[in-house]
């Protein structure tokens, strides 16, 4: 519009100037139009400058508003992230408190896996492996497998083994493009596209590996790895305490030489079995076992040879016992077996099987091969007694009967 007005005025001035050359009186009018032109140019220039200033101001204001919106959005995202972190912290604090009362290792494993999935909810799989110290290999303890019907890797995936060997956390955005692992390793872990894993460590010892994984690439962040590391640390401390407690309990009820239960534990279980049988009438049996001529081994070869004999017989007993049966060291060279839900005939068969296996074995004592034999007495509830004293007394009587008949035999009056 400004250009059009100025162009019109310019045309008029040129026209009047041409006429003024022919008519002098028109010169005054030309001069007035020229002055008007200059005034209009100045006015329109000022108007254009104001319009430009307003446009620039508007653009700056729009840019400032956009930046403020971005800052607000970032602040909102930061606030949400902070809320998530606080929520995770509170969950971890509560998790740490609940771990204090965990009664067993399987229960600990279940809670750790559940907590991992709760705090890293986008994980499609959470797995906990525990280390078998004897063989130095991982064994699956628990998982919440969501995307695969295949069984867990027997000794952990290559990524779990990497964490175990290096005692370091690991995060992988895309397993197919990670230079740290060979093609063979990647193919063996075909369902694990992204993952984060942490070792369960205490006193510089690896107790296991905790892993969260997904079929999708780039599913986990450094925050997820940090949370997983905290869970693994809490689990490691609790697991170590639980294992130590279980070990102490085991030492309190097991004989250190033979690995069988101690006599006091056997008597406790015998009393429980009597109560159970009274409430729900059923059979159970006892076997008393004594090593024949045991004093000879100690006198001829020394006490270490006697210990070797006892260990060998204890291993035979452990191999022969069923899942619910209990073997204990009764005292010295005597052993006692508690056999729930076994009648006299079944108990006699087990006693004969133990006698035969012990008799068939040969022990080398100071480079001399020796035969070891045992005598056994069998008593059953209720026909041979209805109290612990009467049952043990009857089993002991049958044992001495076996001794008097020449040893290396089973007696039970069946």
Foldseek 3Di string as FASTA:
>chain_A
DLVVVLVVLVVVLVVLVVVCVVPVVSVVVSVVSVVVSVVSVVVVVVVVVVVVVVVVVVVVVVVVVVVVVVVVVVVVVVVVVVVLVVVLVVLLVVLLVVLVPDQAPLSLQVSLQVNLCVSLVLFQKKWKWFADVVVRFTATRDMDHRPDPDDADGRHAPVFVVCQVVQAKDWFQALVPDPVDDPVSCVSVVQFGTKIKHFQDDPNHGGIMIMTGGSHGRSDDVVSNVSRHSSSPSSSVSVVVNVVVVVVVQPVQADPLQRAGAQVVVVVVVVVLLVVCVVPPAKKKKKKKAWPPLVCQCVPQNVVSSSVLLNVLSVLVVVLDDPPKGKYANDDRMIMIIGPRDHQVRVQVSVLVSQVVQQPDWDQGVNRTDGIGMFMFMFMPPPQHSDPVSRVVRRVVQRVVCVVVPGSYYGYPD
